[in-house]
């Protein structure tokens, strides 16, 4: 029966990219160390703190995408107005 002691570090089975991503997430999670160290179940609290960090990353990406969308919308709005004016001019003929 395998009691888990012979398995080694499960992170060794990750790809290099996945291991790097995990290390970055763990580093970001460390800033919540006081919070999760005071929890009854430290491991679960650490996972929740990692989830908080993931949500922050998602929020930051959503803000960046919204900013880019606003820029693109303003750029193409002028082209849309020009196209509509051209179509109106062509329908007069």
PDB file of N, CA and C in Angstrom:
ATOM      1  N   UNK A   1       0.838  -1.179   0.000  1.00  0.00           N
ATOM      2  CA  UNK A   1       0.000   0.000   0.000  1.00  0.00           C
ATOM      3  C   UNK A   1       0.885   1.245   0.000  1.00  0.00           C
ATOM      4  N   UNK A   2       0.584   2.178  -0.894  1.00  0.00           N
ATOM      5  CA  UNK A   2       1.358   3.403  -1.014  1.00  0.00           C
ATOM      6  C   UNK A   2       0.795   4.437  -0.053  1.00  0.00           C
ATOM      7  N   UNK A   3       1.598   4.859   0.901  1.00  0.00           N
ATOM      8  CA  UNK A   3       1.134   5.843   1.870  1.00  0.00           C
ATOM      9  C   UNK A   3       1.534   7.261   1.488  1.00  0.00           C
ATOM     10  N   UNK A   4       2.077   7.453   0.310  1.00  0.00           N
ATOM     11  CA  UNK A   4       2.424   8.773  -0.178  1.00  0.00           C
ATOM     12  C   UNK A   4       3.838   9.213   0.155  1.00  0.00           C
ATOM     13  N   UNK A   5       4.528   8.495   1.009  1.00  0.00           N
ATOM     14  CA  UNK A   5       5.868   8.902   1.409  1.00  0.00           C
ATOM     15  C   UNK A   5       6.894   8.663   0.305  1.00  0.00           C
ATOM     16  N   UNK A   6       6.640   7.708  -0.571  1.00  0.00           N
ATOM     17  CA  UNK A   6       7.595   7.365  -1.617  1.00  0.00           C
ATOM     18  C   UNK A   6       7.353   8.151  -2.903  1.00  0.00           C
ATOM     19  N   UNK A   7       6.368   9.004  -2.926  1.00  0.00           N
ATOM     20  CA  UNK A   7       5.996   9.691  -4.163  1.00  0.00           C
ATOM     21  C   UNK A   7       6.915  10.855  -4.507  1.00  0.00           C
ATOM     22  N   UNK A   8       7.582  11.424  -3.561  1.00  0.00           N
ATOM     23  CA  UNK A   8       8.424  12.571  -3.842  1.00  0.00           C
ATOM     24  C   UNK A   8       7.585  13.830  -3.974  1.00  0.00           C
ATOM     25  N   UNK A   9       8.175  14.833  -4.559  1.00  0.00           N
ATOM     26  CA  UNK A   9       7.507  16.116  -4.728  1.00  0.00           C
ATOM     27  C   UNK A   9       6.664  16.080  -5.997  1.00  0.00           C
ATOM     28  N   UNK A  10       5.364  16.230  -5.855  1.00  0.00           N
ATOM     29  CA  UNK A  10       4.451  16.163  -7.003  1.00  0.00           C
ATOM     30  C   UNK A  10       4.753  17.249  -8.021  1.00  0.00           C
ATOM     31  N   UNK A  11       5.336  18.363  -7.584  1.00  0.00           N
ATOM     32  CA  UNK A  11       5.628  19.464  -8.505  1.00  0.00           C
ATOM     33  C   UNK A  11       6.692  19.083  -9.528  1.00  0.00           C
ATOM     34  N   UNK A  12       7.486  18.063  -9.210  1.00  0.00           N
ATOM     35  CA  UNK A  12       8.503  17.597 -10.157  1.00  0.00           C
ATOM     36  C   UNK A  12       7.867  17.009 -11.415  1.00  0.00           C
ATOM     37  N   UNK A  13       6.614  16.624 -11.337  1.00  0.00           N
ATOM     38  CA  UNK A  13       5.916  16.040 -12.480  1.00  0.00           C
ATOM     39  C   UNK A  13       5.250  17.091 -13.365  1.00  0.00           C
ATOM     40  N   UNK A  14       5.338  18.353 -12.979  1.00  0.00           N
ATOM     41  CA  UNK A  14       4.779  19.425 -13.794  1.00  0.00           C
ATOM     42  C   UNK A  14       5.721  19.756 -14.942  1.00  0.00           C
ATOM     43  N   UNK A  15       5.160  20.310 -15.996  1.00  0.00           N
ATOM     44  CA  UNK A  15       6.016  20.819 -17.067  1.00  0.00           C
ATOM     45  C   UNK A  15       6.777  22.027 -16.525  1.00  0.00           C
ATOM     46  N   UNK A  16       7.832  22.397 -17.211  1.00  0.00           N
ATOM     47  CA  UNK A  16       8.637  23.544 -16.766  1.00  0.00           C
ATOM     48  C   UNK A  16       7.795  24.816 -16.730  1.00  0.00           C
ATOM     49  N   UNK A  17       6.933  24.986 -17.737  1.00  0.00           N
ATOM     50  CA  UNK A  17       6.074  26.173 -17.780  1.00  0.00           C
ATOM     51  C   UNK A  17       5.083  26.182 -16.628  1.00  0.00           C
ATOM     52  N   UNK A  18       4.478  25.027 -16.352  1.00  0.00           N
ATOM     53  CA  UNK A  18       3.508  24.941 -15.261  1.00  0.00           C
ATOM     54  C   UNK A  18       4.184  25.185 -13.918  1.00  0.00           C
ATOM     55  N   UNK A  19       5.384  24.651 -13.760  1.00  0.00           N
ATOM     56  CA  UNK A  19       6.116  24.856 -12.509  1.00  0.00           C
ATOM     57  C   UNK A  19       6.454  26.333 -12.318  1.00  0.00           C
ATOM     58  N   UNK A  20       6.844  26.993 -13.399  1.00  0.00           N
ATOM     59  CA  UNK A  20       7.155  28.417 -13.323  1.00  0.00           C
ATOM     60  C   UNK A  20       5.897  29.220 -12.971  1.00  0.00           C
ATOM     61  N   UNK A  21       4.772  28.879 -13.592  1.00  0.00           N
ATOM     62  CA  UNK A  21       3.510  29.561 -13.285  1.00  0.00           C
ATOM     63  C   UNK A  21       3.121  29.358 -11.829  1.00  0.00           C
ATOM     64  N   UNK A  22       3.275  28.141 -11.350  1.00  0.00           N
ATOM     65  CA  UNK A  22       2.950  27.846  -9.957  1.00  0.00           C
ATOM     66  C   UNK A  22       3.850  28.632  -9.011  1.00  0.00           C
ATOM     67  N   UNK A  23       5.132  28.700  -9.326  1.00  0.00           N
ATOM     68  CA  UNK A  23       6.056  29.453  -8.480  1.00  0.00           C
ATOM     69  C   UNK A  23       5.700  30.937  -8.435  1.00  0.00           C
ATOM     70  N   UNK A  24       5.289  31.496  -9.571  1.00  0.00           N
ATOM     71  CA  UNK A  24       4.864  32.898  -9.596  1.00  0.00           C
ATOM     72  C   UNK A  24       3.615  33.110  -8.745  1.00  0.00           C
ATOM     73  N   UNK A  25       2.685  32.167  -8.834  1.00  0.00           N
ATOM     74  CA  UNK A  25       1.464  32.265  -8.035  1.00  0.00           C
ATOM     75  C   UNK A  25       1.774  32.139  -6.549  1.00  0.00           C
ATOM     76  N   UNK A  26       2.649  31.213  -6.199  1.00  0.00           N
ATOM     77  CA  UNK A  26       3.032  31.047  -4.792  1.00  0.00           C
ATOM     78  C   UNK A  26       3.728  32.294  -4.260  1.00  0.00           C
ATOM     79  N   UNK A  27       4.548  32.903  -5.102  1.00  0.00           N
ATOM     80  CA  UNK A  27       5.226  34.141  -4.694  1.00  0.00           C
ATOM     81  C   UNK A  27       4.201  35.252  -4.444  1.00  0.00           C
ATOM     82  N   UNK A  28       3.217  35.371  -5.321  1.00  0.00           N
ATOM     83  CA  UNK A  28       2.171  36.383  -5.131  1.00  0.00           C
ATOM     84  C   UNK A  28       1.329  36.082  -3.899  1.00  0.00           C
ATOM     85  N   UNK A  29       1.148  34.814  -3.601  1.00  0.00           N
ATOM     86  CA  UNK A  29       0.328  34.397  -2.458  1.00  0.00           C
ATOM     87  C   UNK A  29       1.043  34.651  -1.132  1.00  0.00           C
ATOM     88  N   UNK A  30       2.357  34.681  -1.159  1.00  0.00           N
ATOM     89  CA  UNK A  30       3.126  34.860   0.084  1.00  0.00           C
ATOM     90  C   UNK A  30       2.800  36.166   0.800  1.00  0.00           C
ATOM     91  N   UNK A  31       2.333  37.167   0.068  1.00  0.00           N
ATOM     92  CA  UNK A  31       2.028  38.430   0.738  1.00  0.00           C
ATOM     93  C   UNK A  31       0.831  38.302   1.681  1.00  0.00           C
ATOM     94  N   UNK A  32       0.105  37.182   1.591  1.00  0.00           N
ATOM     95  CA  UNK A  32      -1.029  36.919   2.485  1.00  0.00           C
ATOM     96  C   UNK A  32      -0.636  35.951   3.601  1.00  0.00           C
ATOM     97  N   UNK A  33       0.652  35.765   3.788  1.00  0.00           N
ATOM     98  CA  UNK A  33       1.159  34.767   4.727  1.00  0.00           C
ATOM     99  C   UNK A  33       0.585  34.936   6.137  1.00  0.00           C
ATOM    100  N   UNK A  34       0.504  36.157   6.628  1.00  0.00           N
ATOM    101  CA  UNK A  34      -0.039  36.380   7.982  1.00  0.00           C
ATOM    102  C   UNK A  34      -1.478  35.884   8.070  1.00  0.00           C
ATOM    103  N   UNK A  35      -2.225  36.063   6.996  1.00  0.00           N
ATOM    104  CA  UNK A  35      -3.626  35.633   6.999  1.00  0.00           C
ATOM    105  C   UNK A  35      -3.727  34.115   7.010  1.00  0.00           C
ATOM    106  N   UNK A  36      -3.071  33.451   6.057  1.00  0.00           N
ATOM    107  CA  UNK A  36      -3.260  31.996   5.995  1.00  0.00           C
ATOM    108  C   UNK A  36      -2.529  31.250   7.101  1.00  0.00           C
ATOM    109  N   UNK A  37      -1.470  31.830   7.651  1.00  0.00           N
ATOM    110  CA  UNK A  37      -0.780  31.172   8.772  1.00  0.00           C
ATOM    111  C   UNK A  37      -1.625  31.191  10.046  1.00  0.00           C
ATOM    112  N   UNK A  38      -2.557  32.141  10.140  1.00  0.00           N
ATOM    113  CA  UNK A  38      -3.403  32.219  11.334  1.00  0.00           C
ATOM    114  C   UNK A  38      -4.677  31.384  11.193  1.00  0.00           C
ATOM    115  N   UNK A  39      -4.856  30.742  10.035  1.00  0.00           N
ATOM    116  CA  UNK A  39      -6.056  29.938   9.797  1.00  0.00           C
ATOM    117  C   UNK A  39      -5.951  28.583  10.487  1.00  0.00           C
ATOM    118  N   UNK A  40      -7.103  28.000  10.735  1.00  0.00           N
ATOM    119  CA  UNK A  40      -7.138  26.656  11.334  1.00  0.00           C
ATOM    120  C   UNK A  40      -6.542  25.631  10.374  1.00  0.00           C
ATOM    121  N   UNK A  41      -6.911  25.757   9.100  1.00  0.00           N
ATOM    122  CA  UNK A  41      -6.378  24.863   8.070  1.00  0.00           C
ATOM    123  C   UNK A  41      -5.527  25.714   7.122  1.00  0.00           C
ATOM    124  N   UNK A  42      -4.240  25.736   7.362  1.00  0.00           N
ATOM    125  CA  UNK A  42      -3.328  26.617   6.636  1.00  0.00           C
ATOM    126  C   UNK A  42      -3.327  26.327   5.137  1.00  0.00           C
ATOM    127  N   UNK A  43      -3.324  25.052   4.768  1.00  0.00           N
ATOM    128  CA  UNK A  43      -3.252  24.695   3.346  1.00  0.00           C
ATOM    129  C   UNK A  43      -4.472  25.185   2.576  1.00  0.00           C
ATOM    130  N   UNK A  44      -5.648  25.001   3.156  1.00  0.00           N
ATOM    131  CA  UNK A  44      -6.868  25.459   2.484  1.00  0.00           C
ATOM    132  C   UNK A  44      -6.879  26.981   2.402  1.00  0.00           C
ATOM    133  N   UNK A  45      -6.484  27.646   3.470  1.00  0.00           N
ATOM    134  CA  UNK A  45      -6.439  29.109   3.468  1.00  0.00           C
ATOM    135  C   UNK A  45      -5.450  29.619   2.423  1.00  0.00           C
ATOM    136  N   UNK A  46      -4.340  28.910   2.255  1.00  0.00           N
ATOM    137  CA  UNK A  46      -3.358  29.310   1.250  1.00  0.00           C
ATOM    138  C   UNK A  46      -3.940  29.169  -0.160  1.00  0.00           C
ATOM    139  N   UNK A  47      -4.714  28.128  -0.384  1.00  0.00           N
ATOM    140  CA  UNK A  47      -5.365  27.957  -1.690  1.00  0.00           C
ATOM    141  C   UNK A  47      -6.333  29.112  -1.947  1.00  0.00           C
ATOM    142  N   UNK A  48      -7.098  29.493  -0.921  1.00  0.00           N
ATOM    143  CA  UNK A  48      -8.033  30.611  -1.076  1.00  0.00           C
ATOM    144  C   UNK A  48      -7.277  31.913  -1.361  1.00  0.00           C
ATOM    145  N   UNK A  49      -6.156  32.114  -0.707  1.00  0.00           N
ATOM    146  CA  UNK A  49      -5.348  33.307  -0.969  1.00  0.00           C
ATOM    147  C   UNK A  49      -4.800  33.289  -2.395  1.00  0.00           C
ATOM    148  N   UNK A  50      -4.427  32.117  -2.875  1.00  0.00           N
ATOM    149  CA  UNK A  50      -3.973  31.996  -4.262  1.00  0.00           C
ATOM    150  C   UNK A  50      -5.113  32.326  -5.217  1.00  0.00           C
ATOM    151  N   UNK A  51      -6.322  31.913  -4.857  1.00  0.00           N
ATOM    152  CA  UNK A  51      -7.488  32.234  -5.685  1.00  0.00           C
ATOM    153  C   UNK A  51      -7.716  33.744  -5.727  1.00  0.00           C
ATOM    154  N   UNK A  52      -7.536  34.405  -4.599  1.00  0.00           N
ATOM    155  CA  UNK A  52      -7.648  35.870  -4.556  1.00  0.00           C
ATOM    156  C   UNK A  52      -6.642  36.494  -5.519  1.00  0.00           C
ATOM    157  N   UNK A  53      -5.420  35.999  -5.508  1.00  0.00           N
ATOM    158  CA  UNK A  53      -4.397  36.525  -6.410  1.00  0.00           C
ATOM    159  C   UNK A  53      -4.763  36.273  -7.873  1.00  0.00           C
ATOM    160  N   UNK A  54      -5.321  35.110  -8.160  1.00  0.00           N
ATOM    161  CA  UNK A  54      -5.757  34.815  -9.525  1.00  0.00           C
ATOM    162  C   UNK A  54      -6.856  35.781  -9.961  1.00  0.00           C
ATOM    163  N   UNK A  55      -7.786  36.061  -9.054  1.00  0.00           N
ATOM    164  CA  UNK A  55      -8.865  37.000  -9.379  1.00  0.00           C
ATOM    165  C   UNK A  55      -8.308  38.406  -9.625  1.00  0.00           C
ATOM    166  N   UNK A  56      -7.320  38.794  -8.865  1.00  0.00           N
ATOM    167  CA  UNK A  56      -6.684  40.100  -9.092  1.00  0.00           C
ATOM    168  C   UNK A  56      -6.041  40.146 -10.469  1.00  0.00           C
ATOM    169  N   UNK A  57      -5.393  39.065 -10.857  1.00  0.00           N
ATOM    170  CA  UNK A  57      -4.771  39.005 -12.178  1.00  0.00           C
ATOM    171  C   UNK A  57      -5.825  39.083 -13.280  1.00  0.00           C
ATOM    172  N   UNK A  58      -6.928  38.380 -13.092  1.00  0.00           N
ATOM    173  CA  UNK A  58      -8.017  38.404 -14.074  1.00  0.00           C
ATOM    174  C   UNK A  58      -8.599  39.810 -14.168  1.00  0.00           C
ATOM    175  N   UNK A  59      -8.830  40.447 -13.025  1.00  0.00           N
ATOM    176  CA  UNK A  59      -9.365  41.809 -13.020  1.00  0.00           C
ATOM    177  C   UNK A  59      -8.440  42.771 -13.754  1.00  0.00           C
ATOM    178  N   UNK A  60      -7.145  42.631 -13.511  1.00  0.00           N
ATOM    179  CA  UNK A  60      -6.175  43.504 -14.173  1.00  0.00           C
ATOM    180  C   UNK A  60      -6.208  43.288 -15.690  1.00  0.00           C
ATOM    181  N   UNK A  61      -6.296  42.036 -16.116  1.00  0.00           N
ATOM    182  CA  UNK A  61      -6.375  41.744 -17.551  1.00  0.00           C
ATOM    183  C   UNK A  61      -7.660  42.285 -18.162  1.00  0.00           C
ATOM    184  N   UNK A  62      -8.778  42.159 -17.434  1.00  0.00           N
ATOM    185  CA  UNK A  62     -10.047  42.686 -17.933  1.00  0.00           C
ATOM    186  C   UNK A  62      -9.982  44.200 -18.090  1.00  0.00           C
ATOM    187  N   UNK A  63      -9.334  44.884 -17.166  1.00  0.00           N
ATOM    188  CA  UNK A  63      -9.173  46.332 -17.276  1.00  0.00           C
ATOM    189  C   UNK A  63      -8.333  46.695 -18.495  1.00  0.00           C
ATOM    190  N   UNK A  64      -7.275  45.941 -18.722  1.00  0.00           N
ATOM    191  CA  UNK A  64      -6.416  46.210 -19.877  1.00  0.00           C
ATOM    192  C   UNK A  64      -7.160  45.963 -21.187  1.00  0.00           C
ATOM    193  N   UNK A  65      -7.932  44.891 -21.239  1.00  0.00           N
ATOM    194  CA  UNK A  65      -8.707  44.589 -22.446  1.00  0.00           C
ATOM    195  C   UNK A  65      -9.746  45.680 -22.686  1.00  0.00           C
ATOM    196  N   UNK A  66     -10.427  46.127 -21.626  1.00  0.00           N
ATOM    197  CA  UNK A  66     -11.427  47.187 -21.765  1.00  0.00           C
ATOM    198  C   UNK A  66     -10.777  48.472 -22.282  1.00  0.00           C
ATOM    199  N   UNK A  67      -9.585  48.781 -21.792  1.00  0.00           N
ATOM    200  CA  UNK A  67      -8.858  49.964 -22.249  1.00  0.00           C
ATOM    201  C   UNK A  67      -8.538  49.853 -23.744  1.00  0.00           C
ATOM    202  N   UNK A  68      -8.045  48.706 -24.159  1.00  0.00           N
ATOM    203  CA  UNK A  68      -7.725  48.487 -25.574  1.00  0.00           C
ATOM    204  C   UNK A  68      -8.990  48.556 -26.424  1.00  0.00           C
ATOM    205  N   UNK A  69     -10.092  47.988 -25.926  1.00  0.00           N
ATOM    206  CA  UNK A  69     -11.351  48.044 -26.667  1.00  0.00           C
ATOM    207  C   UNK A  69     -11.818  49.480 -26.853  1.00  0.00           C
ATOM    208  N   UNK A  70     -11.683  50.306 -25.810  1.00  0.00           N
ATOM    209  CA  UNK A  70     -12.085  51.719 -25.931  1.00  0.00           C
ATOM    210  C   UNK A  70     -11.246  52.427 -26.986  1.00  0.00           C
ATOM    211  N   UNK A  71      -9.950  52.151 -26.989  1.00  0.00           N
ATOM    212  CA  UNK A  71      -9.076  52.765 -27.989  1.00  0.00           C
ATOM    213  C   UNK A  71      -9.479  52.328 -29.392  1.00  0.00           C
ATOM    214  N   UNK A  72      -9.685  51.037 -29.574  1.00  0.00           N
ATOM    215  CA  UNK A  72     -10.059  50.526 -30.897  1.00  0.00           C
ATOM    216  C   UNK A  72     -11.423  51.045 -31.324  1.00  0.00           C
ATOM    217  N   UNK A  73     -12.370  51.103 -30.386  1.00  0.00           N
ATOM    218  CA  UNK A  73     -13.699  51.631 -30.716  1.00  0.00           C
ATOM    219  C   UNK A  73     -13.605  53.075 -31.191  1.00  0.00           C
ATOM    220  N   UNK A  74     -12.800  53.888 -30.514  1.00  0.00           N
ATOM    221  CA  UNK A  74     -12.671  55.288 -30.925  1.00  0.00           C
ATOM    222  C   UNK A  74     -11.960  55.397 -32.271  1.00  0.00           C
ATOM    223  N   UNK A  75     -11.012  54.513 -32.538  1.00  0.00           N
ATOM    224  CA  UNK A  75     -10.317  54.538 -33.823  1.00  0.00           C
ATOM    225  C   UNK A  75     -11.257  54.174 -34.965  1.00  0.00           C
ATOM    226  N   UNK A  76     -12.076  53.146 -34.749  1.00  0.00           N
ATOM    227  CA  UNK A  76     -12.930  52.672 -35.827  1.00  0.00           C
ATOM    228  C   UNK A  76     -14.237  53.430 -35.920  1.00  0.00           C
ATOM    229  N   UNK A  77     -14.579  54.204 -34.903  1.00  0.00           N
ATOM    230  CA  UNK A  77     -15.803  54.997 -34.962  1.00  0.00           C
ATOM    231  C   UNK A  77     -15.707  56.010 -36.092  1.00  0.00           C
ATOM    232  N   UNK A  78     -14.550  56.618 -36.250  1.00  0.00           N
ATOM    233  CA  UNK A  78     -14.340  57.557 -37.345  1.00  0.00           C
ATOM    234  C   UNK A  78     -14.500  56.879 -38.690  1.00  0.00           C
ATOM    235  N   UNK A  79     -13.984  55.675 -38.822  1.00  0.00           N
ATOM    236  CA  UNK A  79     -14.122  54.931 -40.074  1.00  0.00           C
ATOM    237  C   UNK A  79     -15.578  54.555 -40.317  1.00  0.00           C
ATOM    238  N   UNK A  80     -16.299  54.230 -39.274  1.00  0.00           N
ATOM    239  CA  UNK A  80     -17.716  53.884 -39.410  1.00  0.00           C
ATOM    240  C   UNK A  80     -18.503  55.097 -39.875  1.00  0.00           C
ATOM    241  N   UNK A  81     -18.220  56.265 -39.299  1.00  0.00           N
ATOM    242  CA  UNK A  81     -18.909  57.489 -39.709  1.00  0.00           C
ATOM    243  C   UNK A  81     -18.602  57.825 -41.163  1.00  0.00           C
ATOM    244  N   UNK A  82     -17.352  57.660 -41.575  1.00  0.00           N
ATOM    245  CA  UNK A  82     -16.973  57.904 -42.967  1.00  0.00           C
ATOM    246  C   UNK A  82     -17.699  56.941 -43.897  1.00  0.00           C
ATOM    247  N   UNK A  83     -17.786  55.679 -43.506  1.00  0.00           N
ATOM    248  CA  UNK A  83     -18.459  54.679 -44.327  1.00  0.00           C
ATOM    249  C   UNK A  83     -19.938  54.999 -44.462  1.00  0.00           C
ATOM    250  N   UNK A  84     -20.572  55.402 -43.362  1.00  0.00           N
ATOM    251  CA  UNK A  84     -21.991  55.749 -43.406  1.00  0.00           C
ATOM    252  C   UNK A  84     -22.226  56.965 -44.295  1.00  0.00           C
ATOM    253  N   UNK A  85     -21.355  57.955 -44.226  1.00  0.00           N
ATOM    254  CA  UNK A  85     -21.484  59.141 -45.073  1.00  0.00           C
ATOM    255  C   UNK A  85     -21.313  58.760 -46.539  1.00  0.00           C
ATOM    256  N   UNK A  86     -20.374  57.886 -46.821  1.00  0.00           N
ATOM    257  CA  UNK A  86     -20.154  57.427 -48.191  1.00  0.00           C
ATOM    258  C   UNK A  86     -21.372  56.675 -48.703  1.00  0.00           C
ATOM    259  N   UNK A  87     -21.948  55.805 -47.879  1.00  0.00           N
ATOM    260  CA  UNK A  87     -23.137  55.057 -48.280  1.00  0.00           C
ATOM    261  C   UNK A  87     -24.319  55.991 -48.526  1.00  0.00           C
ATOM    262  N   UNK A  88     -24.486  57.001 -47.692  1.00  0.00           N
ATOM    263  CA  UNK A  88     -25.568  57.976 -47.895  1.00  0.00           C
ATOM    264  C   UNK A  88     -25.374  58.715 -49.208  1.00  0.00           C
ATOM    265  N   UNK A  89     -24.115  59.093 -49.481  1.00  0.00           N
ATOM    266  CA  UNK A  89     -23.814  59.791 -50.728  1.00  0.00           C
ATOM    267  C   UNK A  89     -24.084  58.907 -51.938  1.00  0.00           C
ATOM    268  N   UNK A  90     -23.778  57.635 -51.840  1.00  0.00           N
ATOM    269  CA  UNK A  90     -23.999  56.722 -52.961  1.00  0.00           C
ATOM    270  C   UNK A  90     -25.475  56.440 -53.179  1.00  0.00           C
ATOM    271  N   UNK A  91     -26.254  56.427 -52.111  1.00  0.00           N
ATOM    272  CA  UNK A  91     -27.686  56.144 -52.274  1.00  0.00           C
ATOM    273  C   UNK A  91     -28.421  57.310 -52.913  1.00  0.00           C
ATOM    274  N   UNK A  92     -27.837  58.496 -52.923  1.00  0.00           N
ATOM    275  CA  UNK A  92     -28.474  59.649 -53.582  1.00  0.00           C
ATOM    276  C   UNK A  92     -28.441  59.513 -55.094  1.00  0.00           C
ATOM    277  N   UNK A  93     -27.479  58.791 -55.627  1.00  0.00           N
ATOM    278  CA  UNK A  93     -27.371  58.622 -57.081  1.00  0.00           C
ATOM    279  C   UNK A  93     -28.360  57.656 -57.528  1.00  0.00           C
TER     280      UNK A  93
END
